[in-house]
C-alpha atoms as a PDB file:
ATOM      1  CA  UNK A   1     -99.004 -44.471  65.721  1.00  0.00           C
ATOM      2  CA  UNK A   2    -102.185 -43.097  67.299  1.00  0.00           C
ATOM      3  CA  UNK A   3    -104.444 -45.374  65.187  1.00  0.00           C
ATOM      4  CA  UNK A   4    -104.772 -48.866  66.641  1.00  0.00           C
ATOM      5  CA  UNK A   5    -106.025 -51.748  64.477  1.00  0.00           C
ATOM      6  CA  UNK A   6    -108.208 -54.150  66.471  1.00  0.00           C
ATOM      7  CA  UNK A   7    -108.757 -56.643  63.673  1.00  0.00           C
ATOM      8  CA  UNK A   8    -107.454 -59.549  65.778  1.00  0.00           C
ATOM      9  CA  UNK A   9    -110.076 -58.772  68.413  1.00  0.00           C
ATOM     10  CA  UNK A  10    -112.906 -58.869  65.872  1.00  0.00           C
ATOM     11  CA  UNK A  11    -111.554 -62.053  64.295  1.00  0.00           C
ATOM     12  CA  UNK A  12    -111.518 -63.706  67.724  1.00  0.00           C
ATOM     13  CA  UNK A  13    -115.059 -62.511  68.492  1.00  0.00           C
ATOM     14  CA  UNK A  14    -116.275 -63.949  65.186  1.00  0.00           C
ATOM     15  CA  UNK A  15    -114.192 -67.132  65.624  1.00  0.00           C
ATOM     16  CA  UNK A  16    -112.597 -66.614  62.224  1.00  0.00           C
ATOM     17  CA  UNK A  17    -109.009 -67.186  61.189  1.00  0.00           C
ATOM     18  CA  UNK A  18    -106.936 -64.638  59.300  1.00  0.00           C
ATOM     19  CA  UNK A  19    -106.567 -67.002  56.363  1.00  0.00           C
ATOM     20  CA  UNK A  20    -110.347 -67.289  56.030  1.00  0.00           C
ATOM     21  CA  UNK A  21    -110.797 -63.504  56.118  1.00  0.00           C
ATOM     22  CA  UNK A  22    -108.011 -62.983  53.573  1.00  0.00           C
ATOM     23  CA  UNK A  23    -109.619 -65.532  51.277  1.00  0.00           C
ATOM     24  CA  UNK A  24    -113.046 -63.869  51.548  1.00  0.00           C
ATOM     25  CA  UNK A  25    -111.469 -60.448  50.928  1.00  0.00           C
ATOM     26  CA  UNK A  26    -109.501 -61.709  47.946  1.00  0.00           C
ATOM     27  CA  UNK A  27    -106.155 -60.551  49.355  1.00  0.00           C
ATOM     28  CA  UNK A  28    -103.060 -62.434  50.440  1.00  0.00           C
ATOM     29  CA  UNK A  29    -102.506 -63.369  54.061  1.00  0.00           C
ATOM     30  CA  UNK A  30     -99.319 -61.281  53.907  1.00  0.00           C
ATOM     31  CA  UNK A  31    -101.301 -58.162  52.963  1.00  0.00           C
ATOM     32  CA  UNK A  32    -103.866 -58.874  55.680  1.00  0.00           C
ATOM     33  CA  UNK A  33    -101.016 -59.236  58.165  1.00  0.00           C
ATOM     34  CA  UNK A  34     -99.719 -55.788  57.180  1.00  0.00           C
ATOM     35  CA  UNK A  35    -103.149 -54.328  57.919  1.00  0.00           C
ATOM     36  CA  UNK A  36    -103.516 -56.260  61.200  1.00  0.00           C
ATOM     37  CA  UNK A  37    -100.129 -55.177  62.550  1.00  0.00           C
ATOM     38  CA  UNK A  38    -100.747 -51.525  61.737  1.00  0.00           C
ATOM     39  CA  UNK A  39     -97.846 -51.383  59.283  1.00  0.00           C
ATOM     40  CA  UNK A  40    -100.111 -50.314  56.426  1.00  0.00           C
ATOM     41  CA  UNK A  41     -99.908 -46.602  55.673  1.00  0.00           C
ATOM     42  CA  UNK A  42    -103.432 -46.618  54.263  1.00  0.00           C
ATOM     43  CA  UNK A  43    -106.430 -48.874  53.797  1.00  0.00           C
ATOM     44  CA  UNK A  44    -108.919 -48.543  50.987  1.00  0.00           C
ATOM     45  CA  UNK A  45    -112.438 -47.758  52.053  1.00  0.00           C
ATOM     46  CA  UNK A  46    -113.652 -50.602  49.871  1.00  0.00           C
ATOM     47  CA  UNK A  47    -111.391 -52.979  51.830  1.00  0.00           C
ATOM     48  CA  UNK A  48    -112.626 -51.573  55.144  1.00  0.00           C
ATOM     49  CA  UNK A  49    -116.213 -51.920  53.915  1.00  0.00           C
ATOM     50  CA  UNK A  50    -115.606 -55.548  52.921  1.00  0.00           C
ATOM     51  CA  UNK A  51    -114.019 -56.334  56.296  1.00  0.00           C
ATOM     52  CA  UNK A  52    -117.018 -54.805  58.083  1.00  0.00           C
ATOM     53  CA  UNK A  53    -119.414 -56.736  55.842  1.00  0.00           C
ATOM     54  CA  UNK A  54    -117.671 -60.062  56.431  1.00  0.00           C
ATOM     55  CA  UNK A  55    -117.196 -59.563  60.191  1.00  0.00           C
ATOM     56  CA  UNK A  56    -120.601 -57.879  60.646  1.00  0.00           C
ATOM     57  CA  UNK A  57    -119.108 -54.915  62.490  1.00  0.00           C
ATOM     58  CA  UNK A  58    -118.578 -51.163  62.267  1.00  0.00           C
ATOM     59  CA  UNK A  59    -115.304 -49.412  61.300  1.00  0.00           C
ATOM     60  CA  UNK A  60    -115.004 -48.204  64.926  1.00  0.00           C
ATOM     61  CA  UNK A  61    -114.851 -51.854  66.011  1.00  0.00           C
ATOM     62  CA  UNK A  62    -111.645 -52.212  63.997  1.00  0.00           C
ATOM     63  CA  UNK A  63    -110.029 -48.761  64.102  1.00  0.00           C
ATOM     64  CA  UNK A  64    -109.300 -46.942  67.346  1.00  0.00           C
ATOM     65  CA  UNK A  65    -107.726 -43.529  67.835  1.00  0.00           C
ATOM     66  CA  UNK A  66    -105.490 -43.185  70.882  1.00  0.00           C
ATOM     67  CA  UNK A  67    -104.374 -39.673  71.684  1.00  0.00           C
ATOM     68  CA  UNK A  68    -100.585 -39.404  71.945  1.00  0.00           C
ATOM     69  CA  UNK A  69     -98.827 -38.363  75.113  1.00  0.00           C
ATOM     70  CA  UNK A  70     -97.992 -34.680  75.405  1.00  0.00           C
END
């Protein structure tokens, strides 16, 4: 998939564990894991906004577009 999720990077920079972020977001660790691994087909903008609020970052810090090979 050409969209890379860099949530682990931001969690490490903020010295926060996945369980803590999931708790603050009000979602299960399993659902957060689906987002982190890129297996989610979509993410709500409200969820993205909450992640950015909690981690004090921009959406571009979490989502990265990588052009596919031609």
